[in-house]
Every structure is written in structure tokens, then in C-alpha cells.
Protein backbone atom coordinates (compact mmCIF):
# COMPACT_ATOMS: atom_id res chain seq x y z
CA ASP A 1 -17.99 -10.38 15.59
CA ILE A 2 -14.51 -11.51 16.61
CA SER A 3 -12.96 -8.11 15.86
CA ILE A 4 -15.17 -6.56 18.56
CA THR A 5 -14.43 -9.36 21.04
CA LYS A 6 -10.68 -8.93 20.47
CA ASN A 7 -10.98 -5.11 20.43
CA ILE A 8 -9.32 -4.89 17.03
CA GLN A 9 -9.46 -1.59 15.24
CA ILE A 10 -9.60 -1.69 11.44
CA ASN A 11 -7.96 1.37 9.88
CA PRO A 12 -9.07 1.92 6.28
CA ASN A 13 -7.06 4.01 3.84
CA LEU A 14 -9.05 3.63 0.64
CA PHE A 15 -8.77 5.36 -2.69
CA SER A 16 -11.08 4.64 -5.59
CA CYS A 17 -10.06 2.32 -8.37
CA PHE A 18 -11.71 0.41 -11.18
CA ILE A 19 -11.77 -3.38 -10.86
CA LYS A 20 -13.20 -5.63 -13.57
CA MET A 21 -14.16 -8.63 -11.46
CA ASP A 22 -17.22 -10.52 -10.38
CA LYS A 23 -18.69 -8.67 -7.38
CA THR A 24 -19.15 -11.83 -5.29
CA LYS A 25 -15.58 -12.99 -5.88
CA THR A 26 -14.25 -9.52 -5.06
CA GLN A 27 -16.17 -9.61 -1.77
CA LYS A 28 -14.85 -13.12 -0.99
CA LEU A 29 -11.28 -12.05 -1.68
CA VAL A 30 -11.48 -8.97 0.56
CA ASN A 31 -13.52 -10.71 3.27
CA ASN A 32 -11.11 -13.67 3.50
CA LEU A 33 -8.05 -11.42 3.75
CA ILE A 34 -9.61 -9.28 6.48
CA SER A 35 -11.08 -12.29 8.35
CA ASN A 36 -7.70 -13.98 8.32
CA ALA A 37 -6.03 -10.83 9.65
CA ILE A 38 -8.57 -10.65 12.49
CA LYS A 39 -8.08 -14.31 13.44
CA TYR A 40 -4.31 -13.99 13.66
CA SER A 41 -4.17 -10.55 15.31
CA TYR A 42 -3.48 -10.03 18.96
CA LYS A 43 -6.16 -8.62 21.21
CA ASP A 44 -6.22 -4.79 21.26
CA SER A 45 -4.33 -4.44 17.99
CA ILE A 46 -5.01 -2.85 14.63
CA ILE A 47 -5.46 -3.98 11.06
CA GLU A 48 -4.57 -1.67 8.20
CA VAL A 49 -6.60 -2.00 4.99
CA THR A 50 -5.24 0.10 2.15
CA LEU A 51 -6.40 0.39 -1.45
CA LYS A 52 -4.06 2.60 -3.42
CA ASP A 53 -2.74 2.57 -6.98
CA ASN A 54 -4.81 -0.56 -7.75
CA ILE A 55 -3.14 -2.54 -4.96
CA LEU A 56 -5.07 -3.86 -1.96
CA TYR A 57 -3.01 -4.26 1.21
CA VAL A 58 -4.22 -5.97 4.38
CA ARG A 59 -1.75 -5.80 7.25
CA ASP A 60 -2.20 -7.23 10.71
CA PHE A 61 0.03 -6.90 13.73
CA GLY A 62 -0.31 -10.46 14.98
CA ARG A 63 2.26 -13.17 15.45
CA GLY A 64 3.61 -13.06 11.90
CA ILE A 65 4.16 -15.96 9.54
CA SER A 66 7.43 -17.89 9.61
CA LYS A 67 9.34 -18.77 6.44
CA ASP A 68 8.32 -22.42 6.90
CA GLU A 69 4.64 -21.48 7.18
CA GLU A 70 4.89 -19.21 4.12
CA LYS A 71 5.62 -22.25 1.93
CA ASN A 72 2.20 -23.78 2.61
CA ILE A 73 0.05 -20.85 3.73
CA PHE A 74 -2.03 -20.76 0.54
CA LYS A 75 -2.73 -24.51 0.48
CA ARG A 76 -6.22 -25.72 1.35
CA TYR A 77 -6.69 -26.90 4.96
CA LYS A 78 -3.34 -25.45 6.08
CA ARG A 79 -3.61 -23.25 9.14
CA GLY A 80 -1.18 -21.32 11.23
CA ASN A 81 -0.80 -22.07 14.91
CA ASN A 82 -4.03 -20.48 16.11
CA ASN A 83 -6.87 -21.31 18.47
CA GLU A 84 -9.40 -18.96 16.89
CA GLY A 85 -10.91 -21.59 14.61
CA GLY A 86 -11.27 -21.70 10.87
CA PHE A 87 -10.72 -24.52 8.45
CA GLY A 88 -7.68 -23.34 6.53
CA ILE A 89 -9.52 -22.55 3.30
CA GLY A 90 -9.63 -18.73 3.30
CA LEU A 91 -6.22 -18.07 1.78
CA ASP A 92 -6.72 -20.92 -0.69
CA ILE A 93 -9.89 -19.15 -1.87
CA VAL A 94 -7.96 -15.87 -2.15
CA LYS A 95 -5.23 -17.56 -4.20
CA ARG A 96 -7.75 -19.25 -6.53
CA ILE A 97 -9.55 -15.96 -7.19
CA CYS A 98 -6.22 -14.22 -7.84
CA ASN A 99 -5.21 -16.97 -10.27
CA GLU A 100 -8.55 -16.77 -12.07
CA TYR A 101 -8.16 -13.02 -12.66
CA ASN A 102 -4.37 -13.00 -13.09
CA LEU A 103 -3.90 -10.89 -9.97
CA LEU A 104 -0.53 -10.81 -8.25
CA LEU A 105 -0.80 -12.04 -4.63
CA ASN A 106 2.10 -11.33 -2.28
CA LEU A 107 2.87 -11.94 1.36
CA LYS A 108 5.41 -10.10 3.48
CA SER A 109 5.79 -11.09 7.11
CA TRP A 110 7.96 -9.74 9.86
CA VAL A 111 8.55 -12.27 12.64
CA ASP A 112 10.41 -11.64 15.88
CA ASP A 113 11.38 -14.71 17.91
CA ASP A 114 11.24 -12.72 21.13
CA ALA A 115 7.55 -12.74 22.16
CA ARG A 116 8.10 -9.62 24.26
CA LYS A 117 8.69 -7.70 21.03
CA ARG A 118 5.41 -8.71 19.45
CA ASN A 119 4.80 -5.12 18.30
CA ASN A 120 7.55 -5.78 15.76
CA GLN A 121 5.61 -8.67 14.22
CA SER A 122 3.15 -8.33 11.38
CA SER A 123 1.99 -9.83 8.12
CA ARG A 124 0.94 -7.94 5.01
CA PHE A 125 -0.94 -9.49 2.12
CA SER A 126 -1.14 -7.51 -1.09
CA VAL A 127 -3.17 -8.07 -4.24
CA SER A 128 -2.33 -6.12 -7.37
CA LEU A 129 -5.66 -5.44 -9.05
């Protein structure tokens, strides 16, 4: 598991909620968001997974996503600048599931051009369930 190799700690903050969705698609949505966060996180970092007030948040503290990348991040086969692998389909799957169930998908990214300040960089995906 890449999260173990990279020594990434996943911090859950989960509250119960009722979701009327296909179980498999719900698992795909959550799995793709968390997998993406792991791929783009720095070694020895954390990922925050929060489910509160029917909103799922997945936040990583990786390199962040630039405004230019944000324009295409949900398109199939588009990938960020990363050597971890992947085919660029995970966020496309997330977007398609959100569209199918009329869920609101948002991205907020904080990018710092100074690599020495990487602790100030992060990306947070949210899905309003």
C-alpha cells in the first residue's frame, strides 16, 4: 500500500449520515478521492478525511493544484505532475458519479510557489451528499 510506503497518516473525522446511493459507486467515489490524495501527498504527511453535515472532505498536504491544472483536473486521462503512476481517470470517475447523483463536487487548493514552504500547500476535495 502506497500510504504505508510514503508513511502517510490518514486522519478520519467521521460523523454518520444517510446517503441514498449505490454502494459500489459510493465506494468508488471515496476510494478515488483518497487514492488521489495519497498519490499527490508528500512522504511523511497526513490526509484528513471528514464526513460532517452530509459533506465529505478529503484534504491532502501535497504539492497543491495550480489554477491552470484546476481547469482540466476532472477530465479523463489528465494527470498532475506526478511520478507515482495512475492513468488520470480517478477524478473523472468521481465527477461522473457526482453528476449521476446530482452531488456538488468542489476543489480548493492552496499553492505556494516557494517549495521550502510546502507545509502551506494542500488540496481539498469536497462532495456535498
